[in-house]
PDBML (XML) file of the C-alpha atoms, coordinates in Angstrom:
<?xml version="1.0" encoding="UTF-8" ?>
<PDBx:datablock datablockName="MODEL"
   xmlns:PDBx="http://pdbml.pdb.org/schema/pdbx-v50.xsd"
   xmlns:xsi="http://www.w3.org/2001/XMLSchema-instance"
   xsi:schemaLocation="http://pdbml.pdb.org/schema/pdbx-v50.xsd pdbx-v50.xsd">
   <PDBx:atom_siteCategory>
      <PDBx:atom_site id="1">
         <PDBx:B_iso_or_equiv>0.00</PDBx:B_iso_or_equiv>
         <PDBx:Cartn_x>12.850</PDBx:Cartn_x>
         <PDBx:Cartn_y>9.396</PDBx:Cartn_y>
         <PDBx:Cartn_z>1.094</PDBx:Cartn_z>
         <PDBx:auth_asym_id>A</PDBx:auth_asym_id>
         <PDBx:auth_atom_id>CA</PDBx:auth_atom_id>
         <PDBx:auth_comp_id>SER</PDBx:auth_comp_id>
         <PDBx:auth_seq_id>1</PDBx:auth_seq_id>
         <PDBx:group_PDB>ATOM</PDBx:group_PDB>
         <PDBx:label_alt_id xsi:nil="true" />
         <PDBx:label_asym_id>A</PDBx:label_asym_id>
         <PDBx:label_atom_id>CA</PDBx:label_atom_id>
         <PDBx:label_comp_id>SER</PDBx:label_comp_id>
         <PDBx:label_entity_id>1</PDBx:label_entity_id>
         <PDBx:label_seq_id>1</PDBx:label_seq_id>
         <PDBx:occupancy>1.00</PDBx:occupancy>
         <PDBx:pdbx_PDB_model_num>1</PDBx:pdbx_PDB_model_num>
         <PDBx:type_symbol>C</PDBx:type_symbol>
      </PDBx:atom_site>
      <PDBx:atom_site id="2">
         <PDBx:B_iso_or_equiv>0.00</PDBx:B_iso_or_equiv>
         <PDBx:Cartn_x>12.056</PDBx:Cartn_x>
         <PDBx:Cartn_y>6.011</PDBx:Cartn_y>
         <PDBx:Cartn_z>1.925</PDBx:Cartn_z>
         <PDBx:auth_asym_id>A</PDBx:auth_asym_id>
         <PDBx:auth_atom_id>CA</PDBx:auth_atom_id>
         <PDBx:auth_comp_id>PRO</PDBx:auth_comp_id>
         <PDBx:auth_seq_id>2</PDBx:auth_seq_id>
         <PDBx:group_PDB>ATOM</PDBx:group_PDB>
         <PDBx:label_alt_id xsi:nil="true" />
         <PDBx:label_asym_id>A</PDBx:label_asym_id>
         <PDBx:label_atom_id>CA</PDBx:label_atom_id>
         <PDBx:label_comp_id>PRO</PDBx:label_comp_id>
         <PDBx:label_entity_id>1</PDBx:label_entity_id>
         <PDBx:label_seq_id>2</PDBx:label_seq_id>
         <PDBx:occupancy>1.00</PDBx:occupancy>
         <PDBx:pdbx_PDB_model_num>1</PDBx:pdbx_PDB_model_num>
         <PDBx:type_symbol>C</PDBx:type_symbol>
      </PDBx:atom_site>
      <PDBx:atom_site id="3">
         <PDBx:B_iso_or_equiv>0.00</PDBx:B_iso_or_equiv>
         <PDBx:Cartn_x>12.385</PDBx:Cartn_x>
         <PDBx:Cartn_y>7.153</PDBx:Cartn_y>
         <PDBx:Cartn_z>5.419</PDBx:Cartn_z>
         <PDBx:auth_asym_id>A</PDBx:auth_asym_id>
         <PDBx:auth_atom_id>CA</PDBx:auth_atom_id>
         <PDBx:auth_comp_id>ASP</PDBx:auth_comp_id>
         <PDBx:auth_seq_id>3</PDBx:auth_seq_id>
         <PDBx:group_PDB>ATOM</PDBx:group_PDB>
         <PDBx:label_alt_id xsi:nil="true" />
         <PDBx:label_asym_id>A</PDBx:label_asym_id>
         <PDBx:label_atom_id>CA</PDBx:label_atom_id>
         <PDBx:label_comp_id>ASP</PDBx:label_comp_id>
         <PDBx:label_entity_id>1</PDBx:label_entity_id>
         <PDBx:label_seq_id>3</PDBx:label_seq_id>
         <PDBx:occupancy>1.00</PDBx:occupancy>
         <PDBx:pdbx_PDB_model_num>1</PDBx:pdbx_PDB_model_num>
         <PDBx:type_symbol>C</PDBx:type_symbol>
      </PDBx:atom_site>
      <PDBx:atom_site id="4">
         <PDBx:B_iso_or_equiv>0.00</PDBx:B_iso_or_equiv>
         <PDBx:Cartn_x>9.961</PDBx:Cartn_x>
         <PDBx:Cartn_y>9.429</PDBx:Cartn_y>
         <PDBx:Cartn_z>5.406</PDBx:Cartn_z>
         <PDBx:auth_asym_id>A</PDBx:auth_asym_id>
         <PDBx:auth_atom_id>CA</PDBx:auth_atom_id>
         <PDBx:auth_comp_id>GLU</PDBx:auth_comp_id>
         <PDBx:auth_seq_id>4</PDBx:auth_seq_id>
         <PDBx:group_PDB>ATOM</PDBx:group_PDB>
         <PDBx:label_alt_id xsi:nil="true" />
         <PDBx:label_asym_id>A</PDBx:label_asym_id>
         <PDBx:label_atom_id>CA</PDBx:label_atom_id>
         <PDBx:label_comp_id>GLU</PDBx:label_comp_id>
         <PDBx:label_entity_id>1</PDBx:label_entity_id>
         <PDBx:label_seq_id>4</PDBx:label_seq_id>
         <PDBx:occupancy>1.00</PDBx:occupancy>
         <PDBx:pdbx_PDB_model_num>1</PDBx:pdbx_PDB_model_num>
         <PDBx:type_symbol>C</PDBx:type_symbol>
      </PDBx:atom_site>
      <PDBx:atom_site id="5">
         <PDBx:B_iso_or_equiv>0.00</PDBx:B_iso_or_equiv>
         <PDBx:Cartn_x>6.470</PDBx:Cartn_x>
         <PDBx:Cartn_y>9.635</PDBx:Cartn_y>
         <PDBx:Cartn_z>5.803</PDBx:Cartn_z>
         <PDBx:auth_asym_id>A</PDBx:auth_asym_id>
         <PDBx:auth_atom_id>CA</PDBx:auth_atom_id>
         <PDBx:auth_comp_id>PRO</PDBx:auth_comp_id>
         <PDBx:auth_seq_id>5</PDBx:auth_seq_id>
         <PDBx:group_PDB>ATOM</PDBx:group_PDB>
         <PDBx:label_alt_id xsi:nil="true" />
         <PDBx:label_asym_id>A</PDBx:label_asym_id>
         <PDBx:label_atom_id>CA</PDBx:label_atom_id>
         <PDBx:label_comp_id>PRO</PDBx:label_comp_id>
         <PDBx:label_entity_id>1</PDBx:label_entity_id>
         <PDBx:label_seq_id>5</PDBx:label_seq_id>
         <PDBx:occupancy>1.00</PDBx:occupancy>
         <PDBx:pdbx_PDB_model_num>1</PDBx:pdbx_PDB_model_num>
         <PDBx:type_symbol>C</PDBx:type_symbol>
      </PDBx:atom_site>
      <PDBx:atom_site id="6">
         <PDBx:B_iso_or_equiv>0.00</PDBx:B_iso_or_equiv>
         <PDBx:Cartn_x>4.627</PDBx:Cartn_x>
         <PDBx:Cartn_y>9.689</PDBx:Cartn_y>
         <PDBx:Cartn_z>2.141</PDBx:Cartn_z>
         <PDBx:auth_asym_id>A</PDBx:auth_asym_id>
         <PDBx:auth_atom_id>CA</PDBx:auth_atom_id>
         <PDBx:auth_comp_id>GLN</PDBx:auth_comp_id>
         <PDBx:auth_seq_id>6</PDBx:auth_seq_id>
         <PDBx:group_PDB>ATOM</PDBx:group_PDB>
         <PDBx:label_alt_id xsi:nil="true" />
         <PDBx:label_asym_id>A</PDBx:label_asym_id>
         <PDBx:label_atom_id>CA</PDBx:label_atom_id>
         <PDBx:label_comp_id>GLN</PDBx:label_comp_id>
         <PDBx:label_entity_id>1</PDBx:label_entity_id>
         <PDBx:label_seq_id>6</PDBx:label_seq_id>
         <PDBx:occupancy>1.00</PDBx:occupancy>
         <PDBx:pdbx_PDB_model_num>1</PDBx:pdbx_PDB_model_num>
         <PDBx:type_symbol>C</PDBx:type_symbol>
      </PDBx:atom_site>
      <PDBx:atom_site id="7">
         <PDBx:B_iso_or_equiv>0.00</PDBx:B_iso_or_equiv>
         <PDBx:Cartn_x>1.631</PDBx:Cartn_x>
         <PDBx:Cartn_y>11.018</PDBx:Cartn_y>
         <PDBx:Cartn_z>3.022</PDBx:Cartn_z>
         <PDBx:auth_asym_id>A</PDBx:auth_asym_id>
         <PDBx:auth_atom_id>CA</PDBx:auth_atom_id>
         <PDBx:auth_comp_id>ASP</PDBx:auth_comp_id>
         <PDBx:auth_seq_id>7</PDBx:auth_seq_id>
         <PDBx:group_PDB>ATOM</PDBx:group_PDB>
         <PDBx:label_alt_id xsi:nil="true" />
         <PDBx:label_asym_id>A</PDBx:label_asym_id>
         <PDBx:label_atom_id>CA</PDBx:label_atom_id>
         <PDBx:label_comp_id>ASP</PDBx:label_comp_id>
         <PDBx:label_entity_id>1</PDBx:label_entity_id>
         <PDBx:label_seq_id>7</PDBx:label_seq_id>
         <PDBx:occupancy>1.00</PDBx:occupancy>
         <PDBx:pdbx_PDB_model_num>1</PDBx:pdbx_PDB_model_num>
         <PDBx:type_symbol>C</PDBx:type_symbol>
      </PDBx:atom_site>
      <PDBx:atom_site id="8">
         <PDBx:B_iso_or_equiv>0.00</PDBx:B_iso_or_equiv>
         <PDBx:Cartn_x>2.305</PDBx:Cartn_x>
         <PDBx:Cartn_y>14.520</PDBx:Cartn_y>
         <PDBx:Cartn_z>0.876</PDBx:Cartn_z>
         <PDBx:auth_asym_id>A</PDBx:auth_asym_id>
         <PDBx:auth_atom_id>CA</PDBx:auth_atom_id>
         <PDBx:auth_comp_id>HIS</PDBx:auth_comp_id>
         <PDBx:auth_seq_id>8</PDBx:auth_seq_id>
         <PDBx:group_PDB>ATOM</PDBx:group_PDB>
         <PDBx:label_alt_id xsi:nil="true" />
         <PDBx:label_asym_id>A</PDBx:label_asym_id>
         <PDBx:label_atom_id>CA</PDBx:label_atom_id>
         <PDBx:label_comp_id>HIS</PDBx:label_comp_id>
         <PDBx:label_entity_id>1</PDBx:label_entity_id>
         <PDBx:label_seq_id>8</PDBx:label_seq_id>
         <PDBx:occupancy>1.00</PDBx:occupancy>
         <PDBx:pdbx_PDB_model_num>1</PDBx:pdbx_PDB_model_num>
         <PDBx:type_symbol>C</PDBx:type_symbol>
      </PDBx:atom_site>
      <PDBx:atom_site id="9">
         <PDBx:B_iso_or_equiv>0.00</PDBx:B_iso_or_equiv>
         <PDBx:Cartn_x>2.981</PDBx:Cartn_x>
         <PDBx:Cartn_y>12.249</PDBx:Cartn_y>
         <PDBx:Cartn_z>-2.150</PDBx:Cartn_z>
         <PDBx:auth_asym_id>A</PDBx:auth_asym_id>
         <PDBx:auth_atom_id>CA</PDBx:auth_atom_id>
         <PDBx:auth_comp_id>LEU</PDBx:auth_comp_id>
         <PDBx:auth_seq_id>9</PDBx:auth_seq_id>
         <PDBx:group_PDB>ATOM</PDBx:group_PDB>
         <PDBx:label_alt_id xsi:nil="true" />
         <PDBx:label_asym_id>A</PDBx:label_asym_id>
         <PDBx:label_atom_id>CA</PDBx:label_atom_id>
         <PDBx:label_comp_id>LEU</PDBx:label_comp_id>
         <PDBx:label_entity_id>1</PDBx:label_entity_id>
         <PDBx:label_seq_id>9</PDBx:label_seq_id>
         <PDBx:occupancy>1.00</PDBx:occupancy>
         <PDBx:pdbx_PDB_model_num>1</PDBx:pdbx_PDB_model_num>
         <PDBx:type_symbol>C</PDBx:type_symbol>
      </PDBx:atom_site>
      <PDBx:atom_site id="10">
         <PDBx:B_iso_or_equiv>0.00</PDBx:B_iso_or_equiv>
         <PDBx:Cartn_x>-1.003</PDBx:Cartn_x>
         <PDBx:Cartn_y>10.823</PDBx:Cartn_y>
         <PDBx:Cartn_z>-1.319</PDBx:Cartn_z>
         <PDBx:auth_asym_id>A</PDBx:auth_asym_id>
         <PDBx:auth_atom_id>CA</PDBx:auth_atom_id>
         <PDBx:auth_comp_id>ILE</PDBx:auth_comp_id>
         <PDBx:auth_seq_id>10</PDBx:auth_seq_id>
         <PDBx:group_PDB>ATOM</PDBx:group_PDB>
         <PDBx:label_alt_id xsi:nil="true" />
         <PDBx:label_asym_id>A</PDBx:label_asym_id>
         <PDBx:label_atom_id>CA</PDBx:label_atom_id>
         <PDBx:label_comp_id>ILE</PDBx:label_comp_id>
         <PDBx:label_entity_id>1</PDBx:label_entity_id>
         <PDBx:label_seq_id>10</PDBx:label_seq_id>
         <PDBx:occupancy>1.00</PDBx:occupancy>
         <PDBx:pdbx_PDB_model_num>1</PDBx:pdbx_PDB_model_num>
         <PDBx:type_symbol>C</PDBx:type_symbol>
      </PDBx:atom_site>
      <PDBx:atom_site id="11">
         <PDBx:B_iso_or_equiv>0.00</PDBx:B_iso_or_equiv>
         <PDBx:Cartn_x>-2.187</PDBx:Cartn_x>
         <PDBx:Cartn_y>14.421</PDBx:Cartn_y>
         <PDBx:Cartn_z>-0.809</PDBx:Cartn_z>
         <PDBx:auth_asym_id>A</PDBx:auth_asym_id>
         <PDBx:auth_atom_id>CA</PDBx:auth_atom_id>
         <PDBx:auth_comp_id>ARG</PDBx:auth_comp_id>
         <PDBx:auth_seq_id>11</PDBx:auth_seq_id>
         <PDBx:group_PDB>ATOM</PDBx:group_PDB>
         <PDBx:label_alt_id xsi:nil="true" />
         <PDBx:label_asym_id>A</PDBx:label_asym_id>
         <PDBx:label_atom_id>CA</PDBx:label_atom_id>
         <PDBx:label_comp_id>ARG</PDBx:label_comp_id>
         <PDBx:label_entity_id>1</PDBx:label_entity_id>
         <PDBx:label_seq_id>11</PDBx:label_seq_id>
         <PDBx:occupancy>1.00</PDBx:occupancy>
         <PDBx:pdbx_PDB_model_num>1</PDBx:pdbx_PDB_model_num>
         <PDBx:type_symbol>C</PDBx:type_symbol>
      </PDBx:atom_site>
      <PDBx:atom_site id="12">
         <PDBx:B_iso_or_equiv>0.00</PDBx:B_iso_or_equiv>
         <PDBx:Cartn_x>-0.706</PDBx:Cartn_x>
         <PDBx:Cartn_y>15.883</PDBx:Cartn_y>
         <PDBx:Cartn_z>-3.739</PDBx:Cartn_z>
         <PDBx:auth_asym_id>A</PDBx:auth_asym_id>
         <PDBx:auth_atom_id>CA</PDBx:auth_atom_id>
         <PDBx:auth_comp_id>SER</PDBx:auth_comp_id>
         <PDBx:auth_seq_id>12</PDBx:auth_seq_id>
         <PDBx:group_PDB>ATOM</PDBx:group_PDB>
         <PDBx:label_alt_id xsi:nil="true" />
         <PDBx:label_asym_id>A</PDBx:label_asym_id>
         <PDBx:label_atom_id>CA</PDBx:label_atom_id>
         <PDBx:label_comp_id>SER</PDBx:label_comp_id>
         <PDBx:label_entity_id>1</PDBx:label_entity_id>
         <PDBx:label_seq_id>12</PDBx:label_seq_id>
         <PDBx:occupancy>1.00</PDBx:occupancy>
         <PDBx:pdbx_PDB_model_num>1</PDBx:pdbx_PDB_model_num>
         <PDBx:type_symbol>C</PDBx:type_symbol>
      </PDBx:atom_site>
      <PDBx:atom_site id="13">
         <PDBx:B_iso_or_equiv>0.00</PDBx:B_iso_or_equiv>
         <PDBx:Cartn_x>-1.850</PDBx:Cartn_x>
         <PDBx:Cartn_y>12.636</PDBx:Cartn_y>
         <PDBx:Cartn_z>-6.114</PDBx:Cartn_z>
         <PDBx:auth_asym_id>A</PDBx:auth_asym_id>
         <PDBx:auth_atom_id>CA</PDBx:auth_atom_id>
         <PDBx:auth_comp_id>ALA</PDBx:auth_comp_id>
         <PDBx:auth_seq_id>13</PDBx:auth_seq_id>
         <PDBx:group_PDB>ATOM</PDBx:group_PDB>
         <PDBx:label_alt_id xsi:nil="true" />
         <PDBx:label_asym_id>A</PDBx:label_asym_id>
         <PDBx:label_atom_id>CA</PDBx:label_atom_id>
         <PDBx:label_comp_id>ALA</PDBx:label_comp_id>
         <PDBx:label_entity_id>1</PDBx:label_entity_id>
         <PDBx:label_seq_id>13</PDBx:label_seq_id>
         <PDBx:occupancy>1.00</PDBx:occupancy>
         <PDBx:pdbx_PDB_model_num>1</PDBx:pdbx_PDB_model_num>
         <PDBx:type_symbol>C</PDBx:type_symbol>
      </PDBx:atom_site>
      <PDBx:atom_site id="14">
         <PDBx:B_iso_or_equiv>0.00</PDBx:B_iso_or_equiv>
         <PDBx:Cartn_x>-5.518</PDBx:Cartn_x>
         <PDBx:Cartn_y>13.237</PDBx:Cartn_y>
         <PDBx:Cartn_z>-4.560</PDBx:Cartn_z>
         <PDBx:auth_asym_id>A</PDBx:auth_asym_id>
         <PDBx:auth_atom_id>CA</PDBx:auth_atom_id>
         <PDBx:auth_comp_id>LEU</PDBx:auth_comp_id>
         <PDBx:auth_seq_id>14</PDBx:auth_seq_id>
         <PDBx:group_PDB>ATOM</PDBx:group_PDB>
         <PDBx:label_alt_id xsi:nil="true" />
         <PDBx:label_asym_id>A</PDBx:label_asym_id>
         <PDBx:label_atom_id>CA</PDBx:label_atom_id>
         <PDBx:label_comp_id>LEU</PDBx:label_comp_id>
         <PDBx:label_entity_id>1</PDBx:label_entity_id>
         <PDBx:label_seq_id>14</PDBx:label_seq_id>
         <PDBx:occupancy>1.00</PDBx:occupancy>
         <PDBx:pdbx_PDB_model_num>1</PDBx:pdbx_PDB_model_num>
         <PDBx:type_symbol>C</PDBx:type_symbol>
      </PDBx:atom_site>
      <PDBx:atom_site id="15">
         <PDBx:B_iso_or_equiv>0.00</PDBx:B_iso_or_equiv>
         <PDBx:Cartn_x>-5.913</PDBx:Cartn_x>
         <PDBx:Cartn_y>16.791</PDBx:Cartn_y>
         <PDBx:Cartn_z>-5.491</PDBx:Cartn_z>
         <PDBx:auth_asym_id>A</PDBx:auth_asym_id>
         <PDBx:auth_atom_id>CA</PDBx:auth_atom_id>
         <PDBx:auth_comp_id>ASP</PDBx:auth_comp_id>
         <PDBx:auth_seq_id>15</PDBx:auth_seq_id>
         <PDBx:group_PDB>ATOM</PDBx:group_PDB>
         <PDBx:label_alt_id xsi:nil="true" />
         <PDBx:label_asym_id>A</PDBx:label_asym_id>
         <PDBx:label_atom_id>CA</PDBx:label_atom_id>
         <PDBx:label_comp_id>ASP</PDBx:label_comp_id>
         <PDBx:label_entity_id>1</PDBx:label_entity_id>
         <PDBx:label_seq_id>15</PDBx:label_seq_id>
         <PDBx:occupancy>1.00</PDBx:occupancy>
         <PDBx:pdbx_PDB_model_num>1</PDBx:pdbx_PDB_model_num>
         <PDBx:type_symbol>C</PDBx:type_symbol>
      </PDBx:atom_site>
      <PDBx:atom_site id="16">
         <PDBx:B_iso_or_equiv>0.00</PDBx:B_iso_or_equiv>
         <PDBx:Cartn_x>-4.328</PDBx:Cartn_x>
         <PDBx:Cartn_y>16.100</PDBx:Cartn_y>
         <PDBx:Cartn_z>-9.217</PDBx:Cartn_z>
         <PDBx:auth_asym_id>A</PDBx:auth_asym_id>
         <PDBx:auth_atom_id>CA</PDBx:auth_atom_id>
         <PDBx:auth_comp_id>GLU</PDBx:auth_comp_id>
         <PDBx:auth_seq_id>16</PDBx:auth_seq_id>
         <PDBx:group_PDB>ATOM</PDBx:group_PDB>
         <PDBx:label_alt_id xsi:nil="true" />
         <PDBx:label_asym_id>A</PDBx:label_asym_id>
         <PDBx:label_atom_id>CA</PDBx:label_atom_id>
         <PDBx:label_comp_id>GLU</PDBx:label_comp_id>
         <PDBx:label_entity_id>1</PDBx:label_entity_id>
         <PDBx:label_seq_id>16</PDBx:label_seq_id>
         <PDBx:occupancy>1.00</PDBx:occupancy>
         <PDBx:pdbx_PDB_model_num>1</PDBx:pdbx_PDB_model_num>
         <PDBx:type_symbol>C</PDBx:type_symbol>
      </PDBx:atom_site>
      <PDBx:atom_site id="17">
         <PDBx:B_iso_or_equiv>0.00</PDBx:B_iso_or_equiv>
         <PDBx:Cartn_x>-6.785</PDBx:Cartn_x>
         <PDBx:Cartn_y>13.788</PDBx:Cartn_y>
         <PDBx:Cartn_z>-9.967</PDBx:Cartn_z>
         <PDBx:auth_asym_id>A</PDBx:auth_asym_id>
         <PDBx:auth_atom_id>CA</PDBx:auth_atom_id>
         <PDBx:auth_comp_id>THR</PDBx:auth_comp_id>
         <PDBx:auth_seq_id>17</PDBx:auth_seq_id>
         <PDBx:group_PDB>ATOM</PDBx:group_PDB>
         <PDBx:label_alt_id xsi:nil="true" />
         <PDBx:label_asym_id>A</PDBx:label_asym_id>
         <PDBx:label_atom_id>CA</PDBx:label_atom_id>
         <PDBx:label_comp_id>THR</PDBx:label_comp_id>
         <PDBx:label_entity_id>1</PDBx:label_entity_id>
         <PDBx:label_seq_id>17</PDBx:label_seq_id>
         <PDBx:occupancy>1.00</PDBx:occupancy>
         <PDBx:pdbx_PDB_model_num>1</PDBx:pdbx_PDB_model_num>
         <PDBx:type_symbol>C</PDBx:type_symbol>
      </PDBx:atom_site>
      <PDBx:atom_site id="18">
         <PDBx:B_iso_or_equiv>0.00</PDBx:B_iso_or_equiv>
         <PDBx:Cartn_x>-9.720</PDBx:Cartn_x>
         <PDBx:Cartn_y>16.771</PDBx:Cartn_y>
         <PDBx:Cartn_z>-9.570</PDBx:Cartn_z>
         <PDBx:auth_asym_id>A</PDBx:auth_asym_id>
         <PDBx:auth_atom_id>CA</PDBx:auth_atom_id>
         <PDBx:auth_comp_id>GLY</PDBx:auth_comp_id>
         <PDBx:auth_seq_id>18</PDBx:auth_seq_id>
         <PDBx:group_PDB>ATOM</PDBx:group_PDB>
         <PDBx:label_alt_id xsi:nil="true" />
         <PDBx:label_asym_id>A</PDBx:label_asym_id>
         <PDBx:label_atom_id>CA</PDBx:label_atom_id>
         <PDBx:label_comp_id>GLY</PDBx:label_comp_id>
         <PDBx:label_entity_id>1</PDBx:label_entity_id>
         <PDBx:label_seq_id>18</PDBx:label_seq_id>
         <PDBx:occupancy>1.00</PDBx:occupancy>
         <PDBx:pdbx_PDB_model_num>1</PDBx:pdbx_PDB_model_num>
         <PDBx:type_symbol>C</PDBx:type_symbol>
      </PDBx:atom_site>
      <PDBx:atom_site id="19">
         <PDBx:B_iso_or_equiv>0.00</PDBx:B_iso_or_equiv>
         <PDBx:Cartn_x>-12.346</PDBx:Cartn_x>
         <PDBx:Cartn_y>14.366</PDBx:Cartn_y>
         <PDBx:Cartn_z>-8.284</PDBx:Cartn_z>
         <PDBx:auth_asym_id>A</PDBx:auth_asym_id>
         <PDBx:auth_atom_id>CA</PDBx:auth_atom_id>
         <PDBx:auth_comp_id>THR</PDBx:auth_comp_id>
         <PDBx:auth_seq_id>19</PDBx:auth_seq_id>
         <PDBx:group_PDB>ATOM</PDBx:group_PDB>
         <PDBx:label_alt_id xsi:nil="true" />
         <PDBx:label_asym_id>A</PDBx:label_asym_id>
         <PDBx:label_atom_id>CA</PDBx:label_atom_id>
         <PDBx:label_comp_id>THR</PDBx:label_comp_id>
         <PDBx:label_entity_id>1</PDBx:label_entity_id>
         <PDBx:label_seq_id>19</PDBx:label_seq_id>
         <PDBx:occupancy>1.00</PDBx:occupancy>
         <PDBx:pdbx_PDB_model_num>1</PDBx:pdbx_PDB_model_num>
         <PDBx:type_symbol>C</PDBx:type_symbol>
      </PDBx:atom_site>
      <PDBx:atom_site id="20">
         <PDBx:B_iso_or_equiv>0.00</PDBx:B_iso_or_equiv>
         <PDBx:Cartn_x>-14.568</PDBx:Cartn_x>
         <PDBx:Cartn_y>15.883</PDBx:Cartn_y>
         <PDBx:Cartn_z>-5.291</PDBx:Cartn_z>
         <PDBx:auth_asym_id>A</PDBx:auth_asym_id>
         <PDBx:auth_atom_id>CA</PDBx:auth_atom_id>
         <PDBx:auth_comp_id>GLY</PDBx:auth_comp_id>
         <PDBx:auth_seq_id>20</PDBx:auth_seq_id>
         <PDBx:group_PDB>ATOM</PDBx:group_PDB>
         <PDBx:label_alt_id xsi:nil="true" />
         <PDBx:label_asym_id>A</PDBx:label_asym_id>
         <PDBx:label_atom_id>CA</PDBx:label_atom_id>
         <PDBx:label_comp_id>GLY</PDBx:label_comp_id>
         <PDBx:label_entity_id>1</PDBx:label_entity_id>
         <PDBx:label_seq_id>20</PDBx:label_seq_id>
         <PDBx:occupancy>1.00</PDBx:occupancy>
         <PDBx:pdbx_PDB_model_num>1</PDBx:pdbx_PDB_model_num>
         <PDBx:type_symbol>C</PDBx:type_symbol>
      </PDBx:atom_site>
      <PDBx:atom_site id="21">
         <PDBx:B_iso_or_equiv>0.00</PDBx:B_iso_or_equiv>
         <PDBx:Cartn_x>-14.933</PDBx:Cartn_x>
         <PDBx:Cartn_y>18.926</PDBx:Cartn_y>
         <PDBx:Cartn_z>-3.825</PDBx:Cartn_z>
         <PDBx:auth_asym_id>A</PDBx:auth_asym_id>
         <PDBx:auth_atom_id>CA</PDBx:auth_atom_id>
         <PDBx:auth_comp_id>PRO</PDBx:auth_comp_id>
         <PDBx:auth_seq_id>21</PDBx:auth_seq_id>
         <PDBx:group_PDB>ATOM</PDBx:group_PDB>
         <PDBx:label_alt_id xsi:nil="true" />
         <PDBx:label_asym_id>A</PDBx:label_asym_id>
         <PDBx:label_atom_id>CA</PDBx:label_atom_id>
         <PDBx:label_comp_id>PRO</PDBx:label_comp_id>
         <PDBx:label_entity_id>1</PDBx:label_entity_id>
         <PDBx:label_seq_id>21</PDBx:label_seq_id>
         <PDBx:occupancy>1.00</PDBx:occupancy>
         <PDBx:pdbx_PDB_model_num>1</PDBx:pdbx_PDB_model_num>
         <PDBx:type_symbol>C</PDBx:type_symbol>
      </PDBx:atom_site>
      <PDBx:atom_site id="22">
         <PDBx:B_iso_or_equiv>0.00</PDBx:B_iso_or_equiv>
         <PDBx:Cartn_x>-11.015</PDBx:Cartn_x>
         <PDBx:Cartn_y>18.779</PDBx:Cartn_y>
         <PDBx:Cartn_z>-2.799</PDBx:Cartn_z>
         <PDBx:auth_asym_id>A</PDBx:auth_asym_id>
         <PDBx:auth_atom_id>CA</PDBx:auth_atom_id>
         <PDBx:auth_comp_id>GLY</PDBx:auth_comp_id>
         <PDBx:auth_seq_id>22</PDBx:auth_seq_id>
         <PDBx:group_PDB>ATOM</PDBx:group_PDB>
         <PDBx:label_alt_id xsi:nil="true" />
         <PDBx:label_asym_id>A</PDBx:label_asym_id>
         <PDBx:label_atom_id>CA</PDBx:label_atom_id>
         <PDBx:label_comp_id>GLY</PDBx:label_comp_id>
         <PDBx:label_entity_id>1</PDBx:label_entity_id>
         <PDBx:label_seq_id>22</PDBx:label_seq_id>
         <PDBx:occupancy>1.00</PDBx:occupancy>
         <PDBx:pdbx_PDB_model_num>1</PDBx:pdbx_PDB_model_num>
         <PDBx:type_symbol>C</PDBx:type_symbol>
      </PDBx:atom_site>
      <PDBx:atom_site id="23">
         <PDBx:B_iso_or_equiv>0.00</PDBx:B_iso_or_equiv>
         <PDBx:Cartn_x>-10.378</PDBx:Cartn_x>
         <PDBx:Cartn_y>19.854</PDBx:Cartn_y>
         <PDBx:Cartn_z>0.945</PDBx:Cartn_z>
         <PDBx:auth_asym_id>A</PDBx:auth_asym_id>
         <PDBx:auth_atom_id>CA</PDBx:auth_atom_id>
         <PDBx:auth_comp_id>PRO</PDBx:auth_comp_id>
         <PDBx:auth_seq_id>23</PDBx:auth_seq_id>
         <PDBx:group_PDB>ATOM</PDBx:group_PDB>
         <PDBx:label_alt_id xsi:nil="true" />
         <PDBx:label_asym_id>A</PDBx:label_asym_id>
         <PDBx:label_atom_id>CA</PDBx:label_atom_id>
         <PDBx:label_comp_id>PRO</PDBx:label_comp_id>
         <PDBx:label_entity_id>1</PDBx:label_entity_id>
         <PDBx:label_seq_id>23</PDBx:label_seq_id>
         <PDBx:occupancy>1.00</PDBx:occupancy>
         <PDBx:pdbx_PDB_model_num>1</PDBx:pdbx_PDB_model_num>
         <PDBx:type_symbol>C</PDBx:type_symbol>
      </PDBx:atom_site>
      <PDBx:atom_site id="24">
         <PDBx:B_iso_or_equiv>0.00</PDBx:B_iso_or_equiv>
         <PDBx:Cartn_x>-11.469</PDBx:Cartn_x>
         <PDBx:Cartn_y>17.438</PDBx:Cartn_y>
         <PDBx:Cartn_z>3.784</PDBx:Cartn_z>
         <PDBx:auth_asym_id>A</PDBx:auth_asym_id>
         <PDBx:auth_atom_id>CA</PDBx:auth_atom_id>
         <PDBx:auth_comp_id>GLY</PDBx:auth_comp_id>
         <PDBx:auth_seq_id>24</PDBx:auth_seq_id>
         <PDBx:group_PDB>ATOM</PDBx:group_PDB>
         <PDBx:label_alt_id xsi:nil="true" />
         <PDBx:label_asym_id>A</PDBx:label_asym_id>
         <PDBx:label_atom_id>CA</PDBx:label_atom_id>
         <PDBx:label_comp_id>GLY</PDBx:label_comp_id>
         <PDBx:label_entity_id>1</PDBx:label_entity_id>
         <PDBx:label_seq_id>24</PDBx:label_seq_id>
         <PDBx:occupancy>1.00</PDBx:occupancy>
         <PDBx:pdbx_PDB_model_num>1</PDBx:pdbx_PDB_model_num>
         <PDBx:type_symbol>C</PDBx:type_symbol>
      </PDBx:atom_site>
      <PDBx:atom_site id="25">
         <PDBx:B_iso_or_equiv>0.00</PDBx:B_iso_or_equiv>
         <PDBx:Cartn_x>-9.415</PDBx:Cartn_x>
         <PDBx:Cartn_y>14.490</PDBx:Cartn_y>
         <PDBx:Cartn_z>2.984</PDBx:Cartn_z>
         <PDBx:auth_asym_id>A</PDBx:auth_asym_id>
         <PDBx:auth_atom_id>CA</PDBx:auth_atom_id>
         <PDBx:auth_comp_id>VAL</PDBx:auth_comp_id>
         <PDBx:auth_seq_id>25</PDBx:auth_seq_id>
         <PDBx:group_PDB>ATOM</PDBx:group_PDB>
         <PDBx:label_alt_id xsi:nil="true" />
         <PDBx:label_asym_id>A</PDBx:label_asym_id>
         <PDBx:label_atom_id>CA</PDBx:label_atom_id>
         <PDBx:label_comp_id>VAL</PDBx:label_comp_id>
         <PDBx:label_entity_id>1</PDBx:label_entity_id>
         <PDBx:label_seq_id>25</PDBx:label_seq_id>
         <PDBx:occupancy>1.00</PDBx:occupancy>
         <PDBx:pdbx_PDB_model_num>1</PDBx:pdbx_PDB_model_num>
         <PDBx:type_symbol>C</PDBx:type_symbol>
      </PDBx:atom_site>
   </PDBx:atom_siteCategory>
</PDBx:datablock>
């Protein structure tokens, strides 16, 4: 929804990369 923050999209995309230790971003 363009009316809502999209930080969850970024977090899930970062998790899906599999790069780094994961938590802490």
